[in-house]
C-alpha atoms as a PDB file:
ATOM      1  CA  MET A   1      67.816  72.327 -45.839  1.00  0.00           C
ATOM      2  CA  THR A   2      66.214  74.589 -43.243  1.00  0.00           C
ATOM      3  CA  MET A   3      63.964  72.914 -40.719  1.00  0.00           C
ATOM      4  CA  GLN A   4      60.929  74.612 -39.289  1.00  0.00           C
ATOM      5  CA  ALA A   5      58.778  73.214 -36.563  1.00  0.00           C
ATOM      6  CA  LEU A   6      55.140  72.640 -37.380  1.00  0.00           C
ATOM      7  CA  ASN A   7      52.900  71.761 -34.493  1.00  0.00           C
ATOM      8  CA  LEU A   8      49.972  69.758 -35.793  1.00  0.00           C
ATOM      9  CA  GLY A   9      48.379  69.398 -32.391  1.00  0.00           C
ATOM     10  CA  ARG A  10      46.750  66.026 -31.959  1.00  0.00           C
ATOM     11  CA  LEU A  11      47.049  64.328 -35.293  1.00  0.00           C
ATOM     12  CA  ASN A  12      44.957  61.189 -35.482  1.00  0.00           C
ATOM     13  CA  ILE A  13      46.643  58.401 -37.402  1.00  0.00           C
ATOM     14  CA  GLU A  14      44.878  55.159 -38.245  1.00  0.00           C
ATOM     15  CA  THR A  15      46.215  52.098 -36.444  1.00  0.00           C
ATOM     16  CA  GLU A  16      47.259  50.351 -39.664  1.00  0.00           C
ATOM     17  CA  THR A  17      49.186  53.418 -40.834  1.00  0.00           C
ATOM     18  CA  LEU A  18      50.883  53.758 -37.458  1.00  0.00           C
ATOM     19  CA  GLU A  19      51.923  50.098 -37.574  1.00  0.00           C
ATOM     20  CA  THR A  20      53.342  50.627 -41.069  1.00  0.00           C
ATOM     21  CA  LEU A  21      55.293  53.682 -39.885  1.00  0.00           C
ATOM     22  CA  ASN A  22      56.680  51.674 -36.978  1.00  0.00           C
ATOM     23  CA  LEU A  23      57.735  48.854 -39.316  1.00  0.00           C
ATOM     24  CA  LEU A  24      59.429  51.256 -41.717  1.00  0.00           C
ATOM     25  CA  ALA A  25      61.285  52.883 -38.837  1.00  0.00           C
ATOM     26  CA  GLN A  26      62.390  49.489 -37.561  1.00  0.00           C
ATOM     27  CA  TRP A  27      63.489  48.232 -41.002  1.00  0.00           C
ATOM     28  CA  GLN A  28      65.448  51.397 -41.695  1.00  0.00           C
ATOM     29  CA  SER A  29      66.871  51.731 -38.173  1.00  0.00           C
ATOM     30  CA  THR A  30      65.564  55.252 -37.792  1.00  0.00           C
ATOM     31  CA  SER A  31      62.885  57.094 -35.905  1.00  0.00           C
ATOM     32  CA  ARG A  32      59.237  57.216 -36.805  1.00  0.00           C
ATOM     33  CA  ALA A  33      59.533  61.028 -36.984  1.00  0.00           C
ATOM     34  CA  GLN A  34      62.251  60.748 -39.637  1.00  0.00           C
ATOM     35  CA  ILE A  35      60.114  58.327 -41.637  1.00  0.00           C
ATOM     36  CA  ILE A  36      57.159  60.733 -41.483  1.00  0.00           C
ATOM     37  CA  GLN A  37      59.361  63.670 -42.548  1.00  0.00           C
ATOM     38  CA  ARG A  38      60.711  61.724 -45.532  1.00  0.00           C
ATOM     39  CA  LEU A  39      57.249  60.567 -46.592  1.00  0.00           C
ATOM     40  CA  LEU A  40      55.873  64.109 -46.363  1.00  0.00           C
ATOM     41  CA  ARG A  41      58.815  65.521 -48.335  1.00  0.00           C
ATOM     42  CA  ASP A  42      58.538  62.853 -51.036  1.00  0.00           C
ATOM     43  CA  GLY A  43      54.756  63.171 -51.185  1.00  0.00           C
ATOM     44  CA  ALA A  44      54.912  66.954 -51.501  1.00  0.00           C
ATOM     45  CA  ARG A  45      57.511  66.654 -54.281  1.00  0.00           C
ATOM     46  CA  GLN A  46      55.341  64.147 -56.137  1.00  0.00           C
ATOM     47  CA  ALA A  47      52.259  66.367 -55.717  1.00  0.00           C
ATOM     48  CA  LYS A  48      54.148  69.297 -57.287  1.00  0.00           C
ATOM     49  CA  ILE A  49      55.165  67.145 -60.254  1.00  0.00           C
ATOM     50  CA  GLU A  50      51.623  65.845 -60.767  1.00  0.00           C
ATOM     51  CA  HIS A  51      50.118  69.330 -60.534  1.00  0.00           C
ATOM     52  CA  ALA A  52      52.578  70.820 -63.025  1.00  0.00           C
ATOM     53  CA  ALA A  53      52.129  67.861 -65.391  1.00  0.00           C
ATOM     54  CA  GLY A  54      48.364  68.359 -65.256  1.00  0.00           C
ATOM     55  CA  LEU A  55      48.765  72.020 -66.199  1.00  0.00           C
ATOM     56  CA  TYR A  56      51.002  70.955 -69.085  1.00  0.00           C
ATOM     57  CA  GLY A  57      48.448  68.398 -70.243  1.00  0.00           C
ATOM     58  CA  ARG A  58      45.748  71.096 -70.288  1.00  0.00           C
ATOM     59  CA  GLY A  59      47.972  73.396 -72.315  1.00  0.00           C
ATOM     60  CA  GLU A  60      48.402  75.939 -69.508  1.00  0.00           C
ATOM     61  CA  LEU A  61      52.196  75.471 -69.300  1.00  0.00           C
ATOM     62  CA  THR A  62      54.948  74.427 -71.654  1.00  0.00           C
ATOM     63  CA  LEU A  63      56.848  71.305 -70.699  1.00  0.00           C
ATOM     64  CA  GLU A  64      59.830  73.439 -69.731  1.00  0.00           C
ATOM     65  CA  ARG A  65      57.747  75.674 -67.440  1.00  0.00           C
ATOM     66  CA  ALA A  66      56.054  72.640 -65.899  1.00  0.00           C
ATOM     67  CA  ALA A  67      59.472  71.202 -65.057  1.00  0.00           C
ATOM     68  CA  LEU A  68      60.565  74.507 -63.531  1.00  0.00           C
ATOM     69  CA  MET A  69      57.368  74.734 -61.469  1.00  0.00           C
ATOM     70  CA  ALA A  70      57.838  71.190 -60.184  1.00  0.00           C
ATOM     71  CA  GLY A  71      61.526  71.713 -59.447  1.00  0.00           C
ATOM     72  CA  VAL A  72      62.666  68.855 -61.685  1.00  0.00           C
ATOM     73  CA  SER A  73      64.662  68.616 -64.887  1.00  0.00           C
ATOM     74  CA  ILE A  74      62.835  68.743 -68.180  1.00  0.00           C
ATOM     75  CA  TYR A  75      63.940  65.141 -68.727  1.00  0.00           C
ATOM     76  CA  ASP A  76      62.284  64.033 -65.493  1.00  0.00           C
ATOM     77  CA  MET A  77      59.098  65.854 -66.515  1.00  0.00           C
ATOM     78  CA  MET A  78      59.235  64.255 -69.961  1.00  0.00           C
ATOM     79  CA  ALA A  79      59.511  60.836 -68.340  1.00  0.00           C
ATOM     80  CA  HIS A  80      56.625  61.597 -65.964  1.00  0.00           C
ATOM     81  CA  VAL A  81      54.207  62.701 -68.677  1.00  0.00           C
ATOM     82  CA  ARG A  82      55.178  59.735 -70.870  1.00  0.00           C
ATOM     83  CA  VAL A  83      54.689  57.179 -68.083  1.00  0.00           C
ATOM     84  CA  HIS A  84      51.343  58.721 -67.106  1.00  0.00           C
ATOM     85  CA  GLY A  85      50.094  59.030 -70.681  1.00  0.00           C
ATOM     86  CA  ILE A  86      49.812  62.818 -70.577  1.00  0.00           C
ATOM     87  CA  LEU A  87      49.801  63.950 -74.170  1.00  0.00           C
ATOM     88  CA  PRO A  88      51.237  67.268 -75.255  1.00  0.00           C
ATOM     89  CA  PRO A  89      48.606  69.880 -76.023  1.00  0.00           C
ATOM     90  CA  GLY A  90      48.219  71.257 -79.522  1.00  0.00           C
ATOM     91  CA  ASP A  91      49.656  69.755 -82.635  1.00  0.00           C
ATOM     92  CA  LEU A  92      53.078  68.465 -83.586  1.00  0.00           C
ATOM     93  CA  GLY A  93      54.103  71.815 -85.082  1.00  0.00           C
ATOM     94  CA  GLU A  94      53.501  73.602 -81.780  1.00  0.00           C
ATOM     95  CA  LEU A  95      55.507  70.981 -79.925  1.00  0.00           C
ATOM     96  CA  GLN A  96      58.413  71.245 -82.347  1.00  0.00           C
ATOM     97  CA  SER A  97      58.346  75.038 -82.058  1.00  0.00           C
ATOM     98  CA  ASP A  98      58.374  74.818 -78.240  1.00  0.00           C
ATOM     99  CA  VAL A  99      61.297  72.391 -78.298  1.00  0.00           C
ATOM    100  CA  ALA A 100      63.230  74.581 -80.748  1.00  0.00           C
ATOM    101  CA  SER A 101      62.656  77.668 -78.556  1.00  0.00           C
ATOM    102  CA  MET A 102      63.823  75.822 -75.473  1.00  0.00           C
ATOM    103  CA  LEU A 103      66.955  74.587 -77.242  1.00  0.00           C
ATOM    104  CA  ALA A 104      67.764  78.080 -78.556  1.00  0.00           C
ATOM    105  CA  ARG A 105      67.395  79.595 -75.057  1.00  0.00           C
ATOM    106  CA  ARG A 106      69.873  77.042 -73.775  1.00  0.00           C
ATOM    107  CA  GLY A 107      72.408  77.925 -76.470  1.00  0.00           C
ATOM    108  CA  HIS A 108      71.792  74.951 -78.777  1.00  0.00           C
ATOM    109  CA  ASP A 109      71.009  77.025 -81.885  1.00  0.00           C
ATOM    110  CA  GLU A 110      72.106  74.399 -84.416  1.00  0.00           C
ATOM    111  CA  LEU A 111      69.937  71.731 -82.814  1.00  0.00           C
ATOM    112  CA  ALA A 112      67.017  74.184 -82.653  1.00  0.00           C
ATOM    113  CA  GLN A 113      67.370  74.784 -86.396  1.00  0.00           C
ATOM    114  CA  GLN A 114      67.311  71.030 -87.020  1.00  0.00           C
ATOM    115  CA  VAL A 115      64.057  70.760 -85.085  1.00  0.00           C
ATOM    116  CA  LEU A 116      62.559  73.626 -87.087  1.00  0.00           C
ATOM    117  CA  ARG A 117      63.660  72.016 -90.377  1.00  0.00           C
ATOM    118  CA  ALA A 118      61.960  68.804 -89.250  1.00  0.00           C
ATOM    119  CA  GLU A 119      58.813  70.889 -88.634  1.00  0.00           C
ATOM    120  CA  GLN A 120      58.919  72.151 -92.221  1.00  0.00           C
ATOM    121  CA  ILE A 121      59.236  68.595 -93.555  1.00  0.00           C
ATOM    122  CA  THR A 122      56.275  67.529 -91.397  1.00  0.00           C
ATOM    123  CA  ASP A 123      54.183  70.465 -92.690  1.00  0.00           C
ATOM    124  CA  GLU A 124      54.920  69.547 -96.312  1.00  0.00           C
ATOM    125  CA  ARG A 125      53.473  66.068 -95.867  1.00  0.00           C
END
């Protein structure tokens, strides 16, 4: 990972937050700067996931594209939207079609066909 310096000038941090940072640094036997770097990295990663999941929930991205945008696996994105109650846009047929397309692009043609056959059964009901 490439490190770049970012001078934030005088950054005002609330006393309670500073005390928490000091405690974390002490508990983990590391520097406060390393704690801040890790928290920023983790927070930025989480913000990307939440943003992409929101776009998925509004129907602006497929689940696969949301995962790519967030830099996580599709399985991690599936878990995130499930835990946060983000429902897939559209109807079940659209979802099945999206899943079948994703499987076919990844070389799982037989599994994609099974998903499409399940879509036909669902449509007949």
